[in-house]
Amino acid sequence: MSVLALLVVLLLVLVVLLIVGAVVYAVHRCPSLNGPVTAGVATVVALAAVLAVVISASGVQ
């Protein structure tokens, strides 16, 4: 695995941690978002958006 691929994987891991942290903070601050289904869906949608951007930027078809 090349160094560039390792850096991309590290960046994705950091973005995932940032998204999960943001969702946890939002659930903590806003009581109406305290449902685990709402938090889970928000996390999955955010991760899918990040992966879609990465895949579209890489040019993989």
PDB file of N, CA and C in Angstrom:
ATOM      1  N   MET A   1       0.853  -1.165   0.000  1.00  0.00           N
ATOM      2  CA  MET A   1       0.000   0.000   0.000  1.00  0.00           C
ATOM      3  C   MET A   1       0.908   1.240   0.000  1.00  0.00           C
ATOM      4  N   SER A   2       0.590   2.172  -0.857  1.00  0.00           N
ATOM      5  CA  SER A   2       1.429   3.359  -0.981  1.00  0.00           C
ATOM      6  C   SER A   2       1.192   4.319   0.179  1.00  0.00           C
ATOM      7  N   VAL A   3       2.094   5.255   0.289  1.00  0.00           N
ATOM      8  CA  VAL A   3       1.990   6.252   1.358  1.00  0.00           C
ATOM      9  C   VAL A   3       0.751   7.115   1.142  1.00  0.00           C
ATOM     10  N   LEU A   4       0.447   7.432  -0.092  1.00  0.00           N
ATOM     11  CA  LEU A   4      -0.734   8.240  -0.375  1.00  0.00           C
ATOM     12  C   LEU A   4      -2.012   7.522   0.052  1.00  0.00           C
ATOM     13  N   ALA A   5      -2.098   6.226  -0.213  1.00  0.00           N
ATOM     14  CA  ALA A   5      -3.272   5.455   0.196  1.00  0.00           C
ATOM     15  C   ALA A   5      -3.401   5.418   1.720  1.00  0.00           C
ATOM     16  N   LEU A   6      -2.281   5.282   2.404  1.00  0.00           N
ATOM     17  CA  LEU A   6      -2.316   5.290   3.871  1.00  0.00           C
ATOM     18  C   LEU A   6      -2.770   6.640   4.406  1.00  0.00           C
ATOM     19  N   LEU A   7      -2.320   7.715   3.765  1.00  0.00           N
ATOM     20  CA  LEU A   7      -2.758   9.039   4.204  1.00  0.00           C
ATOM     21  C   LEU A   7      -4.248   9.255   3.956  1.00  0.00           C
ATOM     22  N   VAL A   8      -4.765   8.738   2.858  1.00  0.00           N
ATOM     23  CA  VAL A   8      -6.201   8.853   2.579  1.00  0.00           C
ATOM     24  C   VAL A   8      -6.999   8.071   3.610  1.00  0.00           C
ATOM     25  N   VAL A   9      -6.548   6.891   3.955  1.00  0.00           N
ATOM     26  CA  VAL A   9      -7.230   6.088   4.973  1.00  0.00           C
ATOM     27  C   VAL A   9      -7.193   6.808   6.321  1.00  0.00           C
ATOM     28  N   LEU A  10      -6.052   7.379   6.671  1.00  0.00           N
ATOM     29  CA  LEU A  10      -5.951   8.124   7.931  1.00  0.00           C
ATOM     30  C   LEU A  10      -6.881   9.321   7.923  1.00  0.00           C
ATOM     31  N   LEU A  11      -6.957  10.018   6.810  1.00  0.00           N
ATOM     32  CA  LEU A  11      -7.861  11.158   6.708  1.00  0.00           C
ATOM     33  C   LEU A  11      -9.321  10.729   6.850  1.00  0.00           C
ATOM     34  N   LEU A  12      -9.687   9.624   6.227  1.00  0.00           N
ATOM     35  CA  LEU A  12     -11.057   9.126   6.360  1.00  0.00           C
ATOM     36  C   LEU A  12     -11.378   8.743   7.798  1.00  0.00           C
ATOM     37  N   VAL A  13     -10.431   8.135   8.484  1.00  0.00           N
ATOM     38  CA  VAL A  13     -10.646   7.770   9.887  1.00  0.00           C
ATOM     39  C   VAL A  13     -10.845   9.025  10.734  1.00  0.00           C
ATOM     40  N   LEU A  14     -10.039  10.046  10.481  1.00  0.00           N
ATOM     41  CA  LEU A  14     -10.191  11.284  11.241  1.00  0.00           C
ATOM     42  C   LEU A  14     -11.521  11.965  10.949  1.00  0.00           C
ATOM     43  N   VAL A  15     -11.971  11.929   9.707  1.00  0.00           N
ATOM     44  CA  VAL A  15     -13.257  12.525   9.350  1.00  0.00           C
ATOM     45  C   VAL A  15     -14.402  11.752  10.012  1.00  0.00           C
ATOM     46  N   VAL A  16     -14.290  10.436  10.030  1.00  0.00           N
ATOM     47  CA  VAL A  16     -15.317   9.617  10.684  1.00  0.00           C
ATOM     48  C   VAL A  16     -15.389   9.962  12.174  1.00  0.00           C
ATOM     49  N   LEU A  17     -14.243  10.085  12.821  1.00  0.00           N
ATOM     50  CA  LEU A  17     -14.240  10.454  14.238  1.00  0.00           C
ATOM     51  C   LEU A  17     -14.826  11.844  14.463  1.00  0.00           C
ATOM     52  N   LEU A  18     -14.537  12.772  13.549  1.00  0.00           N
ATOM     53  CA  LEU A  18     -15.095  14.113  13.659  1.00  0.00           C
ATOM     54  C   LEU A  18     -16.614  14.102  13.505  1.00  0.00           C
ATOM     55  N   ILE A  19     -17.124  13.329  12.556  1.00  0.00           N
ATOM     56  CA  ILE A  19     -18.570  13.254  12.326  1.00  0.00           C
ATOM     57  C   ILE A  19     -19.263  12.608  13.519  1.00  0.00           C
ATOM     58  N   VAL A  20     -18.711  11.507  13.997  1.00  0.00           N
ATOM     59  CA  VAL A  20     -19.318  10.828  15.154  1.00  0.00           C
ATOM     60  C   VAL A  20     -19.292  11.749  16.368  1.00  0.00           C
ATOM     61  N   GLY A  21     -18.198  12.454  16.573  1.00  0.00           N
ATOM     62  CA  GLY A  21     -18.120  13.400  17.682  1.00  0.00           C
ATOM     63  C   GLY A  21     -19.146  14.520  17.567  1.00  0.00           C
ATOM     64  N   ALA A  22     -19.339  15.023  16.346  1.00  0.00           N
ATOM     65  CA  ALA A  22     -20.326  16.083  16.134  1.00  0.00           C
ATOM     66  C   ALA A  22     -21.742  15.582  16.409  1.00  0.00           C
ATOM     67  N   VAL A  23     -22.045  14.359  15.989  1.00  0.00           N
ATOM     68  CA  VAL A  23     -23.376  13.806  16.248  1.00  0.00           C
ATOM     69  C   VAL A  23     -23.579  13.577  17.749  1.00  0.00           C
ATOM     70  N   VAL A  24     -22.562  13.073  18.417  1.00  0.00           N
ATOM     71  CA  VAL A  24     -22.669  12.868  19.870  1.00  0.00           C
ATOM     72  C   VAL A  24     -22.879  14.202  20.575  1.00  0.00           C
ATOM     73  N   TYR A  25     -22.154  15.234  20.149  1.00  0.00           N
ATOM     74  CA  TYR A  25     -22.320  16.557  20.755  1.00  0.00           C
ATOM     75  C   TYR A  25     -23.721  17.112  20.490  1.00  0.00           C
ATOM     76  N   ALA A  26     -24.218  16.941  19.257  1.00  0.00           N
ATOM     77  CA  ALA A  26     -25.559  17.438  18.926  1.00  0.00           C
ATOM     78  C   ALA A  26     -26.629  16.730  19.750  1.00  0.00           C
ATOM     79  N   VAL A  27     -26.481  15.425  19.939  1.00  0.00           N
ATOM     80  CA  VAL A  27     -27.438  14.669  20.747  1.00  0.00           C
ATOM     81  C   VAL A  27     -27.367  15.127  22.203  1.00  0.00           C
ATOM     82  N   HIS A  28     -26.156  15.429  22.652  1.00  0.00           N
ATOM     83  CA  HIS A  28     -25.996  15.888  24.033  1.00  0.00           C
ATOM     84  C   HIS A  28     -26.618  17.268  24.241  1.00  0.00           C
ATOM     85  N   ARG A  29     -26.497  18.158  23.258  1.00  0.00           N
ATOM     86  CA  ARG A  29     -26.972  19.534  23.407  1.00  0.00           C
ATOM     87  C   ARG A  29     -28.460  19.696  23.128  1.00  0.00           C
ATOM     88  N   CYS A  30     -29.001  18.894  22.232  1.00  0.00           N
ATOM     89  CA  CYS A  30     -30.399  19.071  21.828  1.00  0.00           C
ATOM     90  C   CYS A  30     -31.208  17.844  22.251  1.00  0.00           C
ATOM     91  N   PRO A  31     -32.051  17.965  23.253  1.00  0.00           N
ATOM     92  CA  PRO A  31     -32.786  16.794  23.767  1.00  0.00           C
ATOM     93  C   PRO A  31     -33.725  16.155  22.749  1.00  0.00           C
ATOM     94  N   SER A  32     -34.179  16.910  21.762  1.00  0.00           N
ATOM     95  CA  SER A  32     -35.105  16.318  20.797  1.00  0.00           C
ATOM     96  C   SER A  32     -34.404  15.334  19.857  1.00  0.00           C
ATOM     97  N   LEU A  33     -33.070  15.344  19.807  1.00  0.00           N
ATOM     98  CA  LEU A  33     -32.322  14.419  18.954  1.00  0.00           C
ATOM     99  C   LEU A  33     -31.814  13.203  19.724  1.00  0.00           C
ATOM    100  N   ASN A  34     -32.369  12.942  20.890  1.00  0.00           N
ATOM    101  CA  ASN A  34     -31.803  11.906  21.742  1.00  0.00           C
ATOM    102  C   ASN A  34     -32.155  10.484  21.332  1.00  0.00           C
ATOM    103  N   GLY A  35     -32.945  10.331  20.283  1.00  0.00           N
ATOM    104  CA  GLY A  35     -33.262   8.980  19.833  1.00  0.00           C
ATOM    105  C   GLY A  35     -32.076   8.335  19.147  1.00  0.00           C
ATOM    106  N   PRO A  36     -31.774   7.109  19.494  1.00  0.00           N
ATOM    107  CA  PRO A  36     -30.629   6.442  18.860  1.00  0.00           C
ATOM    108  C   PRO A  36     -30.814   6.255  17.365  1.00  0.00           C
ATOM    109  N   VAL A  37     -32.049   6.126  16.920  1.00  0.00           N
ATOM    110  CA  VAL A  37     -32.288   5.970  15.482  1.00  0.00           C
ATOM    111  C   VAL A  37     -31.950   7.261  14.748  1.00  0.00           C
ATOM    112  N   THR A  38     -32.351   8.383  15.307  1.00  0.00           N
ATOM    113  CA  THR A  38     -32.040   9.680  14.695  1.00  0.00           C
ATOM    114  C   THR A  38     -30.538   9.906  14.626  1.00  0.00           C
ATOM    115  N   ALA A  39     -29.841   9.628  15.711  1.00  0.00           N
ATOM    116  CA  ALA A  39     -28.391   9.812  15.735  1.00  0.00           C
ATOM    117  C   ALA A  39     -27.699   8.853  14.772  1.00  0.00           C
ATOM    118  N   GLY A  40     -28.161   7.626  14.723  1.00  0.00           N
ATOM    119  CA  GLY A  40     -27.566   6.649  13.812  1.00  0.00           C
ATOM    120  C   GLY A  40     -27.775   7.018  12.358  1.00  0.00           C
ATOM    121  N   VAL A  41     -28.973   7.461  12.027  1.00  0.00           N
ATOM    122  CA  VAL A  41     -29.256   7.852  10.639  1.00  0.00           C
ATOM    123  C   VAL A  41     -28.432   9.073  10.254  1.00  0.00           C
ATOM    124  N   ALA A  42     -28.313  10.038  11.152  1.00  0.00           N
ATOM    125  CA  ALA A  42     -27.511  11.230  10.870  1.00  0.00           C
ATOM    126  C   ALA A  42     -26.048  10.870  10.640  1.00  0.00           C
ATOM    127  N   THR A  43     -25.524   9.953  11.428  1.00  0.00           N
ATOM    128  CA  THR A  43     -24.138   9.531  11.270  1.00  0.00           C
ATOM    129  C   THR A  43     -23.931   8.799   9.952  1.00  0.00           C
ATOM    130  N   VAL A  44     -24.823   7.890   9.623  1.00  0.00           N
ATOM    131  CA  VAL A  44     -24.687   7.126   8.377  1.00  0.00           C
ATOM    132  C   VAL A  44     -24.806   8.037   7.157  1.00  0.00           C
ATOM    133  N   VAL A  45     -25.728   8.988   7.199  1.00  0.00           N
ATOM    134  CA  VAL A  45     -25.892   9.909   6.073  1.00  0.00           C
ATOM    135  C   VAL A  45     -24.648  10.774   5.907  1.00  0.00           C
ATOM    136  N   ALA A  46     -24.089  11.262   6.997  1.00  0.00           N
ATOM    137  CA  ALA A  46     -22.879  12.086   6.910  1.00  0.00           C
ATOM    138  C   ALA A  46     -21.693  11.280   6.386  1.00  0.00           C
ATOM    139  N   LEU A  47     -21.554  10.048   6.833  1.00  0.00           N
ATOM    140  CA  LEU A  47     -20.464   9.206   6.348  1.00  0.00           C
ATOM    141  C   LEU A  47     -20.642   8.868   4.872  1.00  0.00           C
ATOM    142  N   ALA A  48     -21.872   8.624   4.453  1.00  0.00           N
ATOM    143  CA  ALA A  48     -22.127   8.346   3.034  1.00  0.00           C
ATOM    144  C   ALA A  48     -21.793   9.558   2.171  1.00  0.00           C
ATOM    145  N   ALA A  49     -22.093  10.747   2.667  1.00  0.00           N
ATOM    146  CA  ALA A  49     -21.770  11.961   1.922  1.00  0.00           C
ATOM    147  C   ALA A  49     -20.260  12.136   1.778  1.00  0.00           C
ATOM    148  N   VAL A  50     -19.524  11.879   2.850  1.00  0.00           N
ATOM    149  CA  VAL A  50     -18.065  11.994   2.787  1.00  0.00           C
ATOM    150  C   VAL A  50     -17.490  10.967   1.824  1.00  0.00           C
ATOM    151  N   LEU A  51     -17.963   9.738   1.910  1.00  0.00           N
ATOM    152  CA  LEU A  51     -17.459   8.699   0.998  1.00  0.00           C
ATOM    153  C   LEU A  51     -17.818   8.999  -0.446  1.00  0.00           C
ATOM    154  N   ALA A  52     -18.987   9.548  -0.701  1.00  0.00           N
ATOM    155  CA  ALA A  52     -19.363   9.896  -2.061  1.00  0.00           C
ATOM    156  C   ALA A  52     -18.456  10.979  -2.631  1.00  0.00           C
ATOM    157  N   VAL A  53     -18.110  11.952  -1.819  1.00  0.00           N
ATOM    158  CA  VAL A  53     -17.191  13.001  -2.264  1.00  0.00           C
ATOM    159  C   VAL A  53     -15.809  12.433  -2.560  1.00  0.00           C
ATOM    160  N   VAL A  54     -15.318  11.553  -1.688  1.00  0.00           N
ATOM    161  CA  VAL A  54     -14.002  10.960  -1.892  1.00  0.00           C
ATOM    162  C   VAL A  54     -13.967  10.095  -3.141  1.00  0.00           C
ATOM    163  N   ILE A  55     -15.010   9.299  -3.344  1.00  0.00           N
ATOM    164  CA  ILE A  55     -15.046   8.420  -4.515  1.00  0.00           C
ATOM    165  C   ILE A  55     -15.189   9.232  -5.788  1.00  0.00           C
ATOM    166  N   SER A  56     -16.018  10.278  -5.762  1.00  0.00           N
ATOM    167  CA  SER A  56     -16.168  11.086  -6.972  1.00  0.00           C
ATOM    168  C   SER A  56     -14.896  11.870  -7.278  1.00  0.00           C
ATOM    169  N   ALA A  57     -14.166  12.274  -6.259  1.00  0.00           N
ATOM    170  CA  ALA A  57     -12.928  13.009  -6.486  1.00  0.00           C
ATOM    171  C   ALA A  57     -11.810  12.092  -6.987  1.00  0.00           C
ATOM    172  N   SER A  58     -11.878  10.816  -6.631  1.00  0.00           N
ATOM    173  CA  SER A  58     -10.828   9.895  -7.065  1.00  0.00           C
ATOM    174  C   SER A  58     -10.996   9.459  -8.514  1.00  0.00           C
ATOM    175  N   GLY A  59     -12.172   9.629  -9.075  1.00  0.00           N
ATOM    176  CA  GLY A  59     -12.392   9.271 -10.466  1.00  0.00           C
ATOM    177  C   GLY A  59     -12.684   7.789 -10.695  1.00  0.00           C
ATOM    178  N   VAL A  60     -12.970   7.042  -9.653  1.00  0.00           N
ATOM    179  CA  VAL A  60     -13.299   5.620  -9.792  1.00  0.00           C
ATOM    180  C   VAL A  60     -14.682   5.488 -10.387  1.00  0.00           C
ATOM    181  N   GLN A  61     -14.803   4.611 -11.396  1.00  0.00           N
ATOM    182  CA  GLN A  61     -16.101   4.437 -12.055  1.00  0.00           C
ATOM    183  C   GLN A  61     -16.645   3.046 -11.819  1.00  0.00           C
TER     184      GLN A  61
END
